[in-house]
Amino acid sequence: MTLKEIQEKALRALKAARDLVDKADTEKRDMTSDEDKQFTGYMSEHTKLTKDLQARSGLENAEKAMAAIPEEARARPEPEGREEKKPEITEEIRGAALKGWFSTPLSLRGDIEITDAQRQAAKQCGFNLNQREIAFGLRGNYRSIQHEFRAPQTTTTGSTGGYLIPTGFVSTLERALLEFGGMRQVSEVMRTATGNDLPWPTSDDTSNKGEIIGENTTQNEQNIAFKQVIFKAYKYSSKMIKIPFELLQDSAVDLASLTGQIAGERLGRIQNQHFTTGTGAGQPQGLTLATTLGTTTASATAIKADELMDLIYSVDPAYRTGAAFMMHDNIFLAISKLKDGQGQYLLNGLADSTQLRIKGYPVIINMDMQSSVTTATKTVVFGQLGKYKIRDAGEVRLVRLDERYADLDQVAFVAFLRSDGNLLDAGVAPVKHLLQA
């Protein structure tokens, strides 16, 4: 059979399977045992035909590539000792290869044609357009973009297609993680190659002091008490990102940046929620749970300026240098409205609404913090927020689901990232919270 005949036969099998499901849905019943057998047969036939189509398509492409090489070039051996100079892999080449990878499922159905430029780009990247998954590393200069929030200079590559990923994709994904995750803006982020449990030692040496000793006198010993935090690797999913035929076909659409932004925003939202309020059971332990009590307000429904001062000075002076507040936007608004006895806003010396500072300390807005001033809630945290550590394990995986939404003329993608987080506190309470009475 020709490629077109195989495509048509595969589509007929898929349509027949869909008709069985639609018929049962229309009649508001489950499929019968005979229908189940027919459905399984149609799907098995479709899978077999799809694999056959991919194999034949790959063979034809390889034969075309070989035929394009002049006979004398194929027969001429390379001089000994001469190294082949590989062409530079530009962002345009990576973008073309990734566009071809996005479009491959629809090309197998005959809806979209992979261009020669996209095939050549994938070849230059050493990438098979038919593989279903790409794994790639995030950047190593993460600390710099936390503070400077600028585009990356370099990216790392993965073993299963990471070299294919344009810088724009990684940049957009990480910027979205930051923008939709206030915790990542202030936390220390570490990256590990694997997801094995990672013990992280902590120590409290704040009460220990040195000593003066006399000549020929033996010094005393003072041991350090160590504790440890175990970082795990919880698997987060962006959920499926469905891209319609029209976007895949439109050459003006930057699919790399679009997909990176959507995946980054989704992962950023759920991770920030857990890094802020996570229970520590089957998910990261959030910052608010890990902090200790700094001060309790006199009122369950109000915050006073004096109570913010009490919170600041409840933190050890060693941890007030470089400290910051974190709170919900609504809480900062309530604090910004505090007035003195003459009805004047306490902005001078207390809060600056343009700089987002209180008593000179930065204010980090985190929309997953407590949003209203109500009894027995933690409305504000203050201290060394960088003591909260986030662990990203392994590579980011971008998976393409070729057939799941074929009947809707869509291709779905999903991103996975394994992470954990916890506050490094050996007993000195580097971050404390304000508790409403």
Protein backbone atom coordinates (compact mmCIF):
# COMPACT_ATOMS: atom_id res chain seq x y z
CA MET A 1 0.00 0.00 0.00
CA THR A 2 1.05 3.60 -0.53
CA LEU A 3 1.49 6.02 2.37
CA LYS A 4 -1.78 7.71 1.46
CA GLU A 5 -3.65 4.38 1.45
CA ILE A 6 -2.23 3.50 4.87
CA GLN A 7 -3.25 6.93 6.18
CA GLU A 8 -6.79 6.53 4.86
CA LYS A 9 -7.13 3.03 6.30
CA ALA A 10 -5.85 4.20 9.72
CA LEU A 11 -8.34 7.08 9.71
CA ARG A 12 -11.21 4.74 8.82
CA ALA A 13 -10.29 2.49 11.76
CA LEU A 14 -10.16 5.49 14.10
CA LYS A 15 -13.52 6.78 12.84
CA ALA A 16 -15.10 3.37 13.28
CA ALA A 17 -13.91 3.27 16.90
CA ARG A 18 -15.27 6.78 17.50
CA ASP A 19 -18.66 5.83 15.98
CA LEU A 20 -18.99 2.98 18.48
CA VAL A 21 -18.32 5.29 21.41
CA ASP A 22 -20.65 8.00 20.07
CA LYS A 23 -23.44 5.49 19.52
CA ALA A 24 -23.23 4.28 23.13
CA ASP A 25 -23.09 7.87 24.40
CA THR A 26 -26.11 8.90 22.32
CA GLU A 27 -28.10 5.95 23.68
CA LYS A 28 -26.83 6.73 27.20
CA ARG A 29 -25.45 3.26 27.85
CA ASP A 30 -22.19 1.38 28.14
CA MET A 31 -20.83 -0.42 25.12
CA THR A 32 -21.80 -4.06 24.77
CA SER A 33 -19.20 -6.82 24.95
CA ASP A 34 -19.34 -7.16 21.15
CA GLU A 35 -18.83 -3.42 20.77
CA ASP A 36 -15.91 -3.57 23.20
CA LYS A 37 -14.26 -6.25 21.08
CA GLN A 38 -14.88 -4.24 17.90
CA PHE A 39 -13.49 -1.09 19.55
CA THR A 40 -10.34 -2.92 20.67
CA GLY A 41 -9.90 -4.36 17.18
CA TYR A 42 -10.24 -0.97 15.49
CA MET A 43 -7.78 0.67 17.89
CA SER A 44 -5.27 -2.17 17.49
CA GLU A 45 -5.55 -1.85 13.71
CA HIS A 46 -5.07 1.93 13.94
CA THR A 47 -1.98 1.53 16.15
CA LYS A 48 -0.45 -1.05 13.80
CA LEU A 49 -1.12 1.08 10.74
CA THR A 50 0.32 4.19 12.45
CA LYS A 51 3.55 2.35 13.30
CA ASP A 52 3.74 1.03 9.73
CA LEU A 53 3.16 4.56 8.42
CA GLN A 54 5.92 5.99 10.60
CA ALA A 55 8.36 3.28 9.56
CA ARG A 56 7.64 3.69 5.84
CA SER A 57 7.76 7.47 6.09
CA GLY A 58 11.13 7.32 7.84
CA LEU A 59 12.45 4.91 5.22
CA GLU A 60 11.32 7.11 2.34
CA ASN A 61 12.90 10.18 3.94
CA ALA A 62 16.18 8.33 4.42
CA GLU A 63 16.15 7.13 0.80
CA LYS A 64 15.41 10.65 -0.45
CA ALA A 65 18.27 12.04 1.63
CA MET A 66 20.68 9.45 0.23
CA ALA A 67 19.48 10.06 -3.32
CA ALA A 68 20.21 13.76 -2.94
CA ILE A 69 23.91 13.05 -2.30
CA PRO A 70 25.95 12.93 -5.54
CA GLU A 71 27.25 9.45 -6.40
CA GLU A 72 30.87 10.59 -6.38
CA ALA A 73 30.45 12.11 -2.93
CA ARG A 74 29.01 8.86 -1.57
CA ALA A 75 31.86 6.86 -3.00
CA ARG A 76 34.67 9.23 -2.02
CA PRO A 77 36.22 8.38 1.37
CA GLU A 78 37.05 11.14 3.83
CA PRO A 79 40.76 11.94 4.07
CA GLU A 80 42.38 10.41 7.15
CA GLY A 81 42.78 12.76 10.08
CA ARG A 82 40.26 15.25 8.75
CA GLU A 83 37.47 16.16 11.15
CA GLU A 84 34.09 16.99 9.74
CA LYS A 85 33.14 20.56 10.56
CA LYS A 86 29.62 20.61 11.94
CA PRO A 87 27.42 23.58 11.05
CA GLU A 88 26.46 25.94 13.84
CA ILE A 89 23.09 25.17 15.40
CA THR A 90 21.31 28.53 15.52
CA GLU A 91 18.10 29.49 17.30
CA GLU A 92 16.33 29.53 13.92
CA ILE A 93 17.40 25.93 13.28
CA ARG A 94 16.23 24.81 16.71
CA GLY A 95 12.94 26.62 16.22
CA ALA A 96 12.33 24.98 12.84
CA ALA A 97 13.13 21.53 14.24
CA LEU A 98 10.78 22.02 17.20
CA LYS A 99 8.02 23.28 14.88
CA GLY A 100 8.42 20.10 12.85
CA TRP A 101 8.22 18.00 16.04
CA PHE A 102 5.02 19.78 17.08
CA SER A 103 3.46 19.16 13.66
CA THR A 104 4.52 15.52 13.11
CA PRO A 105 1.24 13.88 14.31
CA LEU A 106 -0.85 15.90 11.85
CA SER A 107 1.67 15.31 9.07
CA LEU A 108 1.24 11.55 9.48
CA ARG A 109 -2.49 12.04 8.91
CA GLY A 110 -1.83 14.12 5.81
CA ASP A 111 -3.18 17.38 7.32
CA ILE A 112 0.17 19.18 7.48
CA GLU A 113 3.34 18.68 5.48
CA ILE A 114 6.66 18.81 7.30
CA THR A 115 8.85 21.15 5.28
CA ASP A 116 12.29 20.24 3.99
CA ALA A 117 13.71 23.02 6.16
CA GLN A 118 12.17 21.47 9.27
CA ARG A 119 13.45 17.99 8.39
CA GLN A 120 16.92 19.36 7.72
CA ALA A 121 16.84 21.32 10.99
CA ALA A 122 15.92 18.18 12.94
CA LYS A 123 18.73 16.30 11.21
CA GLN A 124 21.23 19.00 12.16
CA CYS A 125 20.04 18.78 15.77
CA GLY A 126 20.40 14.99 15.65
CA PHE A 127 16.74 14.57 16.53
CA ASN A 128 14.07 12.11 15.40
CA LEU A 129 10.80 13.91 14.71
CA ASN A 130 8.81 10.74 15.43
CA GLN A 131 9.91 10.39 19.07
CA ARG A 132 7.21 11.24 21.57
CA GLU A 133 9.26 12.89 24.33
CA ILE A 134 11.87 15.61 24.76
CA ALA A 135 13.86 15.98 27.99
CA PHE A 136 15.89 19.11 28.62
CA GLY A 137 17.67 20.79 31.49
CA LEU A 138 16.88 24.19 32.92
CA ARG A 139 19.50 26.87 33.15
CA GLY A 140 22.41 26.88 35.56
CA ASN A 141 22.43 30.67 36.11
CA TYR A 142 19.09 30.60 37.93
CA ARG A 143 20.21 32.89 40.75
CA SER A 144 21.02 35.67 38.31
CA ILE A 145 17.58 35.63 36.69
CA GLN A 146 15.93 35.61 40.13
CA HIS A 147 17.46 39.00 40.79
CA GLU A 148 17.82 40.42 37.30
CA PHE A 149 14.87 38.70 35.56
CA ARG A 150 16.54 38.83 32.18
CA ALA A 151 16.87 36.43 29.24
CA PRO A 152 19.39 33.59 29.58
CA GLN A 153 22.78 33.49 27.93
CA THR A 154 23.05 29.69 27.82
CA THR A 155 20.93 26.60 28.23
CA THR A 156 21.71 23.05 29.19
CA THR A 157 20.87 20.13 26.94
CA GLY A 158 19.14 16.83 27.56
CA SER A 159 19.87 13.32 26.44
CA THR A 160 16.57 12.85 24.59
CA GLY A 161 16.27 15.93 22.45
CA GLY A 162 17.27 18.82 24.70
CA TYR A 163 19.56 20.18 22.00
CA LEU A 164 16.44 20.71 19.93
CA ILE A 165 14.97 23.17 22.45
CA PRO A 166 15.38 26.84 21.49
CA THR A 167 16.61 29.24 24.17
CA GLY A 168 13.29 31.06 23.89
CA PHE A 169 11.38 28.00 25.09
CA VAL A 170 13.49 27.52 28.23
CA SER A 171 13.56 31.26 28.90
CA THR A 172 9.77 31.60 28.59
CA LEU A 173 9.11 28.53 30.75
CA GLU A 174 11.41 29.69 33.56
CA ARG A 175 10.19 33.28 33.47
CA ALA A 176 6.62 31.98 33.79
CA LEU A 177 7.70 29.81 36.75
CA LEU A 178 9.05 32.95 38.41
CA GLU A 179 6.21 35.29 37.54
CA PHE A 180 3.52 32.89 38.73
CA GLY A 181 5.48 31.69 41.74
CA GLY A 182 6.55 34.32 44.28
CA MET A 183 8.36 31.63 46.24
CA ARG A 184 10.81 30.98 43.40
CA GLN A 185 11.71 34.67 43.32
CA VAL A 186 13.13 34.56 46.85
CA SER A 187 14.04 30.93 47.53
CA GLU A 188 17.36 29.23 46.93
CA VAL A 189 16.91 26.74 44.08
CA MET A 190 19.12 23.68 43.66
CA ARG A 191 19.02 21.21 40.80
CA THR A 192 19.96 17.56 41.01
CA ALA A 193 20.48 15.03 38.25
CA THR A 194 18.23 12.41 39.85
CA GLY A 195 15.15 12.34 42.07
CA ASN A 196 16.52 10.21 44.92
CA ASP A 197 15.80 11.38 48.47
CA LEU A 198 18.28 14.16 49.26
CA PRO A 199 19.26 14.65 52.94
CA TRP A 200 20.30 18.27 53.57
CA PRO A 201 22.17 19.03 56.82
CA THR A 202 21.31 22.05 58.97
CA SER A 203 23.05 23.32 62.12
CA ASP A 204 22.40 25.86 64.88
CA ASP A 205 25.65 27.39 66.13
CA THR A 206 24.27 30.80 67.17
CA SER A 207 24.73 30.20 70.94
CA ASN A 208 28.33 29.01 70.67
CA LYS A 209 31.22 31.39 71.26
CA GLY A 210 34.97 31.27 71.02
CA GLU A 211 37.27 31.72 74.02
CA ILE A 212 40.52 33.21 75.23
CA ILE A 213 43.15 30.65 76.20
CA GLY A 214 46.43 31.07 77.94
CA GLU A 215 49.85 30.12 76.62
CA ASN A 216 50.37 26.38 76.39
CA THR A 217 46.69 25.83 77.32
CA THR A 218 44.51 23.29 75.55
CA GLN A 219 41.35 24.77 74.03
CA ASN A 220 37.93 23.42 74.90
CA GLU A 221 35.74 21.49 72.49
CA GLN A 222 32.35 22.68 71.33
CA ASN A 223 30.42 20.29 69.09
CA ILE A 224 27.87 21.49 66.54
CA ALA A 225 24.37 20.02 66.68
CA PHE A 226 23.33 18.90 63.21
CA LYS A 227 19.83 18.19 61.93
CA GLN A 228 18.67 17.36 58.43
CA VAL A 229 15.86 18.01 56.00
CA ILE A 230 14.96 15.29 53.47
CA PHE A 231 14.10 16.65 50.02
CA LYS A 232 11.99 14.42 47.81
CA ALA A 233 10.94 14.80 44.16
CA TYR A 234 7.19 15.18 43.72
CA LYS A 235 6.13 14.91 40.07
CA TYR A 236 4.21 17.93 38.83
CA SER A 237 2.27 17.99 35.56
CA SER A 238 1.23 20.98 33.50
CA LYS A 239 -1.88 19.00 32.50
CA MET A 240 -2.50 18.56 28.80
CA ILE A 241 -1.96 21.55 26.54
CA LYS A 242 -4.11 21.05 23.45
CA ILE A 243 -2.98 22.89 20.32
CA PRO A 244 -5.41 23.00 17.37
CA PHE A 245 -4.54 22.35 13.76
CA GLU A 246 -4.77 26.05 12.89
CA LEU A 247 -1.97 27.06 15.29
CA LEU A 248 0.26 24.21 14.17
CA GLN A 249 -0.24 25.26 10.56
CA ASP A 250 0.35 28.98 11.15
CA SER A 251 4.03 29.64 10.52
CA ALA A 252 3.80 33.01 12.29
CA VAL A 253 2.96 31.42 15.65
CA ASP A 254 5.95 30.93 17.97
CA LEU A 255 4.91 27.53 19.31
CA ALA A 256 8.06 27.22 21.44
CA SER A 257 7.36 30.38 23.44
CA LEU A 258 3.60 29.74 23.55
CA THR A 259 3.96 26.21 24.91
CA GLY A 260 6.75 27.22 27.27
CA GLN A 261 4.66 30.05 28.70
CA ILE A 262 1.55 27.92 29.24
CA ALA A 263 3.52 25.05 30.81
CA GLY A 264 5.53 27.42 33.01
CA GLU A 265 2.44 29.26 34.25
CA ARG A 266 0.60 26.06 35.13
CA LEU A 267 3.57 24.49 36.90
CA GLY A 268 4.35 27.80 38.59
CA ARG A 269 0.86 28.18 40.03
CA ILE A 270 0.57 24.72 41.59
CA GLN A 271 4.14 24.67 42.87
CA ASN A 272 3.87 28.13 44.40
CA GLN A 273 0.72 27.05 46.22
CA HIS A 274 2.52 24.05 47.70
CA PHE A 275 5.73 25.96 48.46
CA THR A 276 3.56 28.46 50.37
CA THR A 277 0.91 26.38 52.15
CA GLY A 278 1.85 22.74 51.42
CA THR A 279 1.22 20.21 54.17
CA GLY A 280 4.43 18.20 53.79
CA ALA A 281 2.37 15.01 53.35
CA GLY A 282 2.66 13.85 49.74
CA GLN A 283 3.66 17.40 48.75
CA PRO A 284 6.28 19.98 49.76
CA GLN A 285 6.09 21.57 53.19
CA GLY A 286 5.04 25.16 52.65
CA LEU A 287 6.71 28.21 54.12
CA THR A 288 3.75 29.22 56.30
CA LEU A 289 3.63 25.78 57.92
CA ALA A 290 7.39 25.71 58.50
CA THR A 291 7.66 29.14 60.16
CA THR A 292 7.46 29.73 63.92
CA LEU A 293 5.31 32.24 65.77
CA GLY A 294 6.71 35.76 65.84
CA THR A 295 3.87 37.68 67.45
CA THR A 296 0.10 37.41 67.90
CA THR A 297 -2.16 40.35 67.10
CA ALA A 298 -4.48 41.85 69.67
CA SER A 299 -7.39 41.72 67.24
CA ALA A 300 -8.55 38.85 65.08
CA THR A 301 -9.57 41.22 62.30
CA ALA A 302 -6.92 43.96 62.32
CA ILE A 303 -3.17 44.49 62.12
CA LYS A 304 -1.44 47.34 63.99
CA ALA A 305 1.82 49.03 63.08
CA ASP A 306 3.28 48.09 66.48
CA GLU A 307 2.58 44.43 65.74
CA LEU A 308 4.59 44.61 62.54
CA MET A 309 7.46 46.10 64.54
CA ASP A 310 7.12 43.25 67.05
CA LEU A 311 7.29 40.75 64.19
CA ILE A 312 10.47 42.33 62.82
CA TYR A 313 12.22 42.25 66.18
CA SER A 314 11.06 38.72 66.95
CA VAL A 315 13.58 37.53 64.34
CA ASP A 316 17.18 37.14 65.48
CA PRO A 317 19.28 40.17 64.41
CA ALA A 318 21.58 37.83 62.49
CA TYR A 319 18.65 37.04 60.18
CA ARG A 320 17.22 40.56 59.84
CA THR A 321 19.97 41.65 57.45
CA GLY A 322 18.62 40.85 53.99
CA ALA A 323 15.23 39.87 55.42
CA ALA A 324 11.89 40.56 53.72
CA PHE A 325 8.16 40.43 54.32
CA MET A 326 5.84 38.13 52.38
CA MET A 327 2.07 38.57 52.27
CA HIS A 328 -0.99 38.56 50.03
CA ASP A 329 -1.74 41.70 48.03
CA ASN A 330 -4.92 42.28 50.08
CA ILE A 331 -2.94 42.19 53.33
CA PHE A 332 -0.43 44.72 52.02
CA LEU A 333 -3.35 46.95 51.02
CA ALA A 334 -4.78 46.74 54.54
CA ILE A 335 -1.38 47.66 56.02
CA SER A 336 -0.99 50.54 53.57
CA LYS A 337 -4.26 52.00 54.89
CA LEU A 338 -3.02 52.28 58.49
CA LYS A 339 -3.36 55.87 59.80
CA ASP A 340 -2.14 57.83 62.79
CA GLY A 341 -4.30 59.69 65.34
CA GLN A 342 -4.69 62.62 62.96
CA GLY A 343 -5.95 60.41 60.13
CA GLN A 344 -2.71 60.55 58.17
CA TYR A 345 -1.42 57.44 56.41
CA LEU A 346 1.57 55.88 58.15
CA LEU A 347 3.55 55.68 54.94
CA ASN A 348 6.49 57.71 56.25
CA GLY A 349 8.68 55.23 58.06
CA LEU A 350 6.20 52.38 57.80
CA ALA A 351 5.23 51.56 54.23
CA ASP A 352 5.96 52.86 50.75
CA SER A 353 3.29 51.69 48.33
CA THR A 354 5.45 52.36 45.26
CA GLN A 355 8.55 50.53 46.48
CA LEU A 356 6.63 47.80 48.33
CA ARG A 357 8.67 48.20 51.53
CA ILE A 358 7.86 48.26 55.22
CA LYS A 359 10.43 49.86 57.53
CA GLY A 360 12.94 49.55 54.70
CA TYR A 361 12.40 45.81 54.25
CA PRO A 362 11.15 44.55 50.84
CA VAL A 363 7.63 43.18 50.58
CA ILE A 364 7.13 40.09 48.40
CA ILE A 365 3.56 39.69 47.18
CA ASN A 366 2.46 36.07 47.20
CA MET A 367 -1.12 35.46 46.08
CA ASP A 368 -1.17 32.04 47.77
CA MET A 369 -0.74 33.60 51.23
CA GLN A 370 -3.73 34.23 53.50
CA SER A 371 -5.86 36.82 51.68
CA SER A 372 -8.03 38.21 54.50
CA VAL A 373 -7.49 39.28 58.13
CA THR A 374 -9.45 36.64 60.02
CA THR A 375 -9.00 34.86 63.31
CA ALA A 376 -6.27 32.22 63.80
CA THR A 377 -4.66 32.84 60.38
CA LYS A 378 -1.04 33.58 59.44
CA THR A 379 -1.28 36.82 57.52
CA VAL A 380 2.36 37.96 57.31
CA VAL A 381 5.75 36.24 57.40
CA PHE A 382 9.10 37.98 57.88
CA GLY A 383 12.73 36.90 57.88
CA GLN A 384 15.34 35.27 55.68
CA LEU A 385 13.02 34.00 52.96
CA GLY A 386 16.03 32.62 51.09
CA LYS A 387 16.29 29.95 53.79
CA TYR A 388 13.41 28.24 52.00
CA LYS A 389 15.06 25.81 49.62
CA ILE A 390 13.52 24.44 46.41
CA ARG A 391 14.85 21.25 44.85
CA ASP A 392 14.27 20.55 41.13
CA ALA A 393 15.12 16.96 40.22
CA GLY A 394 16.19 15.67 36.82
CA GLU A 395 15.13 17.22 33.56
CA VAL A 396 11.92 18.80 32.37
CA ARG A 397 10.05 16.36 30.15
CA LEU A 398 7.83 17.55 27.30
CA VAL A 399 5.64 14.69 26.02
CA ARG A 400 3.59 14.71 22.79
CA LEU A 401 0.29 12.79 22.71
CA ASP A 402 -0.21 11.96 19.06
CA GLU A 403 -3.58 10.24 18.91
CA ARG A 404 -5.57 11.23 21.98
CA TYR A 405 -7.33 14.21 20.40
CA ALA A 406 -7.01 13.26 16.74
CA ASP A 407 -10.78 13.35 16.28
CA LEU A 408 -10.78 16.99 17.47
CA ASP A 409 -8.02 17.93 15.03
CA GLN A 410 -5.70 18.73 17.93
CA VAL A 411 -2.36 17.58 19.28
CA ALA A 412 -1.79 17.56 23.05
CA PHE A 413 1.43 18.20 24.95
CA VAL A 414 2.21 17.87 28.65
CA ALA A 415 5.25 18.98 30.67
CA PHE A 416 6.54 17.25 33.81
CA LEU A 417 8.84 18.69 36.49
CA ARG A 418 9.83 16.99 39.76
CA SER A 419 10.33 19.33 42.71
CA ASP A 420 10.23 19.67 46.50
CA GLY A 421 10.70 22.49 48.99
CA ASN A 422 11.20 23.14 52.70
CA LEU A 423 12.53 25.73 55.12
CA LEU A 424 16.03 25.13 56.45
CA ASP A 425 15.54 25.74 60.16
CA ALA A 426 17.88 24.13 62.66
CA GLY A 427 16.10 25.78 65.58
CA VAL A 428 16.98 29.45 65.10
CA ALA A 429 13.70 30.34 63.32
CA PRO A 430 15.01 32.39 60.37
CA VAL A 431 11.42 33.18 59.30
CA LYS A 432 8.53 33.97 61.66
CA HIS A 433 4.84 34.68 61.14
CA LEU A 434 2.20 37.09 62.39
CA LEU A 435 -0.79 35.21 63.82
CA GLN A 436 -4.23 36.79 64.07
CA ALA A 437 -5.72 36.29 67.54
